[in-house]
Amino acid sequence: MKLQQLLSTAATCCFVFIVISSVGRSNAQTIPDDVDISTTTTTSDTSSSSTPSSSGSYTPQQCTSWINTALTADSTNSSSLSQSEYLTFLQSITTPSHVGPYFEAFTKFTDLPYGARIANVILACACTTLPGYNETTCCSTDNNGDGNATDAEVPLAGFSSPDNTTTTTSDVELLAYRTYFCDIVANVVSKVPVPPTLSPTRSA
């Protein structure tokens, strides 16, 4: 049942993410599917398998890399990413290689492009369908229930020791979340402009 809820939430959230991204650009923050998220227009080379297409496709190797990068960005070992750790995660992405350097231009979470911030919220609220989380509070700004407002964090549940052979309900849900995480990250990555490749100068 939980897996069905997660997949339903994933479909709904991805739809919301796409709709929001297609509304238009406001102060260079919104990310339409056919527009790069910088003021520089570049052409992405989609012929390479390491470069996600506009639909957010990715390879299993990229997914594994993003998961390991997220674990490394969890500096507090809380099994989740705060907003600042999420920024560090984006800045540390090495596949594709141009993504990390692009996000290094942003010094704080609130400066990130709108689509990247929306992705953070979508992932943080995936906790409501994961085992071990309080679905009524984990996505709330008062996620500890103590009246103190804190930002919901992106869960890294099941990331540190994935087991693709187990079939318990809990394991299936965690594996589904791993895929969901990579789906959302791939959408963010696909909006990052690829630096133009300089053509070799021909000698006269």
Protein backbone atom coordinates (compact mmCIF):
# COMPACT_ATOMS: atom_id res chain seq x y z
CA MET A 1 0.00 0.00 0.00
CA LYS A 2 2.80 2.38 0.90
CA LEU A 3 4.51 1.69 -2.44
CA GLN A 4 1.30 2.54 -4.28
CA GLN A 5 1.07 5.78 -2.31
CA LEU A 6 4.67 6.64 -3.16
CA LEU A 7 4.20 5.99 -6.86
CA SER A 8 0.98 8.02 -6.83
CA THR A 9 2.73 10.85 -5.01
CA ALA A 10 5.63 10.66 -7.48
CA ALA A 11 3.31 10.96 -10.45
CA THR A 12 1.44 13.86 -8.89
CA CYS A 13 4.57 15.70 -7.79
CA CYS A 14 6.25 15.26 -11.16
CA PHE A 15 3.14 16.63 -12.85
CA VAL A 16 3.16 19.64 -10.51
CA PHE A 17 6.89 20.09 -11.12
CA ILE A 18 6.40 20.11 -14.90
CA VAL A 19 3.41 22.45 -14.73
CA ILE A 20 5.24 24.91 -12.52
CA SER A 21 8.29 24.75 -14.77
CA SER A 22 6.22 25.47 -17.86
CA VAL A 23 4.49 28.58 -16.55
CA GLY A 24 7.29 30.89 -17.62
CA ARG A 25 10.32 32.65 -16.25
CA SER A 26 9.97 35.10 -13.39
CA ASN A 27 13.12 37.00 -12.55
CA ALA A 28 15.09 34.25 -14.33
CA GLN A 29 13.98 31.72 -11.71
CA THR A 30 11.29 29.60 -13.39
CA ILE A 31 12.55 26.82 -15.64
CA PRO A 32 10.43 26.05 -18.72
CA ASP A 33 11.26 22.67 -20.25
CA ASP A 34 12.70 24.25 -23.40
CA VAL A 35 14.68 27.04 -21.76
CA ASP A 36 18.05 26.88 -20.01
CA ILE A 37 18.30 28.16 -16.45
CA SER A 38 20.88 30.80 -17.16
CA THR A 39 20.84 33.95 -19.22
CA THR A 40 23.21 32.30 -21.70
CA THR A 41 21.53 30.28 -24.43
CA THR A 42 23.40 27.08 -25.22
CA THR A 43 22.67 23.93 -27.14
CA SER A 44 22.74 20.65 -25.24
CA ASP A 45 24.40 17.66 -26.87
CA THR A 46 21.86 14.90 -26.28
CA SER A 47 23.82 12.37 -28.29
CA SER A 48 25.93 11.47 -25.26
CA SER A 49 24.51 8.87 -22.89
CA SER A 50 25.92 10.83 -19.94
CA THR A 51 23.83 13.90 -20.72
CA PRO A 52 20.20 13.76 -19.55
CA SER A 53 17.65 14.76 -22.17
CA SER A 54 14.99 17.40 -21.63
CA SER A 55 12.75 14.66 -20.26
CA GLY A 56 15.19 14.02 -17.42
CA SER A 57 16.53 10.62 -18.51
CA TYR A 58 19.60 9.24 -16.76
CA THR A 59 21.78 6.15 -16.55
CA PRO A 60 21.96 3.74 -13.58
CA GLN A 61 25.54 4.90 -13.07
CA GLN A 62 24.40 8.50 -12.78
CA CYS A 63 21.73 7.54 -10.26
CA THR A 64 24.30 5.73 -8.13
CA SER A 65 26.63 8.71 -8.36
CA TRP A 66 23.90 11.14 -7.26
CA ILE A 67 22.98 8.92 -4.32
CA ASN A 68 26.60 8.69 -3.17
CA THR A 69 26.99 12.44 -3.59
CA ALA A 70 23.88 13.04 -1.49
CA LEU A 71 25.25 10.81 1.28
CA THR A 72 28.53 12.73 1.26
CA ALA A 73 26.66 16.05 1.43
CA ASP A 74 24.93 14.91 4.62
CA SER A 75 27.53 16.52 6.86
CA THR A 76 25.45 16.05 10.02
CA ASN A 77 24.88 12.32 9.40
CA SER A 78 21.15 12.85 9.88
CA SER A 79 20.17 10.64 6.92
CA SER A 80 18.58 13.70 5.34
CA LEU A 81 19.66 16.87 3.58
CA SER A 82 18.97 20.29 5.02
CA GLN A 83 18.59 23.15 2.57
CA SER A 84 22.27 24.07 2.88
CA GLU A 85 23.30 20.42 2.47
CA TYR A 86 21.02 20.17 -0.57
CA LEU A 87 22.89 23.12 -2.09
CA THR A 88 26.18 21.35 -1.33
CA PHE A 89 24.78 18.24 -3.00
CA LEU A 90 23.96 20.14 -6.20
CA GLN A 91 27.38 21.80 -6.18
CA SER A 92 29.07 18.40 -5.81
CA ILE A 93 27.36 16.62 -8.72
CA THR A 94 30.04 15.37 -11.11
CA THR A 95 27.90 13.57 -13.67
CA PRO A 96 27.35 15.36 -15.92
CA SER A 97 30.51 17.29 -15.16
CA HIS A 98 29.09 20.76 -15.90
CA VAL A 99 26.34 20.58 -13.24
CA GLY A 100 28.39 21.07 -10.07
CA PRO A 101 30.30 24.11 -11.37
CA TYR A 102 27.03 25.71 -12.48
CA PHE A 103 25.52 25.48 -8.98
CA GLU A 104 28.72 26.76 -7.37
CA ALA A 105 27.60 30.21 -8.50
CA PHE A 106 24.83 30.10 -5.87
CA THR A 107 25.91 30.88 -2.32
CA LYS A 108 22.66 30.01 -0.51
CA PHE A 109 19.60 27.86 -1.01
CA THR A 110 17.23 30.77 -1.54
CA ASP A 111 19.33 31.94 -4.50
CA LEU A 112 18.82 28.68 -6.40
CA PRO A 113 16.64 28.63 -9.53
CA TYR A 114 12.98 28.12 -8.74
CA GLY A 115 12.87 24.62 -10.23
CA ALA A 116 15.76 23.44 -8.05
CA ARG A 117 14.00 24.76 -4.94
CA ILE A 118 10.70 23.14 -5.93
CA ALA A 119 12.54 19.83 -6.39
CA ASN A 120 13.80 20.15 -2.82
CA VAL A 121 10.25 20.54 -1.50
CA ILE A 122 8.96 17.61 -3.59
CA LEU A 123 11.72 15.32 -2.31
CA ALA A 124 11.38 16.48 1.28
CA CYS A 125 7.67 15.68 1.27
CA ALA A 126 8.25 12.19 -0.10
CA CYS A 127 8.87 11.30 3.55
CA THR A 128 5.10 10.99 4.02
CA THR A 129 5.13 7.61 2.23
CA LEU A 130 8.41 6.24 3.60
CA PRO A 131 8.67 3.76 6.49
CA GLY A 132 9.90 5.19 9.77
CA TYR A 133 8.61 8.73 9.19
CA ASN A 134 5.67 10.48 10.81
CA GLU A 135 3.61 11.32 7.76
CA THR A 136 1.71 14.05 9.58
CA THR A 137 4.80 16.02 10.64
CA CYS A 138 7.83 15.11 8.48
CA CYS A 139 6.80 17.44 5.65
CA SER A 140 5.83 20.26 8.00
CA THR A 141 7.92 23.27 8.93
CA ASP A 142 7.31 22.09 12.49
CA ASN A 143 8.57 18.61 11.70
CA ASN A 144 9.60 17.89 15.29
CA GLY A 145 6.21 18.77 16.70
CA ASP A 146 7.78 21.10 19.25
CA GLY A 147 6.47 24.36 17.85
CA ASN A 148 9.87 25.41 16.48
CA ALA A 149 9.79 26.00 12.74
CA THR A 150 12.48 24.14 10.79
CA ASP A 151 12.65 23.36 7.09
CA ALA A 152 11.67 19.85 6.08
CA GLU A 153 14.73 17.90 4.93
CA VAL A 154 15.25 15.61 1.94
CA PRO A 155 15.26 12.02 3.26
CA LEU A 156 18.11 9.70 2.34
CA ALA A 157 16.27 6.62 3.57
CA GLY A 158 17.71 3.39 2.21
CA PHE A 159 20.60 5.11 0.46
CA SER A 160 23.53 3.84 2.50
CA SER A 161 22.93 0.10 2.12
CA PRO A 162 20.65 -0.63 -0.83
CA ASP A 163 19.66 -4.24 -1.34
CA ASN A 164 18.08 -4.95 -4.71
CA THR A 165 17.31 -8.57 -3.79
CA THR A 166 15.03 -8.06 -0.79
CA THR A 167 11.29 -8.11 -1.26
CA THR A 168 9.79 -6.92 2.02
CA THR A 169 7.33 -4.06 1.80
CA SER A 170 9.76 -1.69 3.50
CA ASP A 171 12.62 -2.57 1.14
CA VAL A 172 10.44 -2.18 -1.94
CA GLU A 173 9.31 1.26 -0.76
CA LEU A 174 12.89 2.39 -0.17
CA LEU A 175 14.02 1.13 -3.57
CA ALA A 176 11.10 2.96 -5.17
CA TYR A 177 12.15 6.14 -3.36
CA ARG A 178 15.71 5.80 -4.69
CA THR A 179 14.30 5.77 -8.21
CA TYR A 180 12.00 8.68 -7.38
CA PHE A 181 14.96 10.66 -6.01
CA CYS A 182 16.94 10.13 -9.20
CA ASP A 183 13.91 11.00 -11.34
CA ILE A 184 13.58 14.38 -9.62
CA VAL A 185 17.33 15.07 -9.64
CA ALA A 186 17.44 14.21 -13.34
CA ASN A 187 14.79 16.87 -14.00
CA VAL A 188 16.90 19.46 -12.20
CA VAL A 189 20.07 18.35 -13.99
CA SER A 190 18.39 18.44 -17.39
CA LYS A 191 17.70 22.17 -16.98
CA VAL A 192 21.37 23.06 -16.39
CA PRO A 193 22.85 24.61 -19.53
CA VAL A 194 25.72 22.74 -21.14
CA PRO A 195 28.67 25.06 -21.79
CA PRO A 196 29.18 25.56 -25.51
CA THR A 197 32.02 23.62 -27.06
CA LEU A 198 34.55 25.81 -28.81
CA SER A 199 35.26 24.83 -32.37
CA PRO A 200 38.96 24.31 -33.16
CA THR A 201 40.53 27.28 -34.92
CA ARG A 202 41.68 26.48 -38.40
CA SER A 203 45.01 27.82 -39.44
CA ALA A 204 45.11 29.89 -42.60
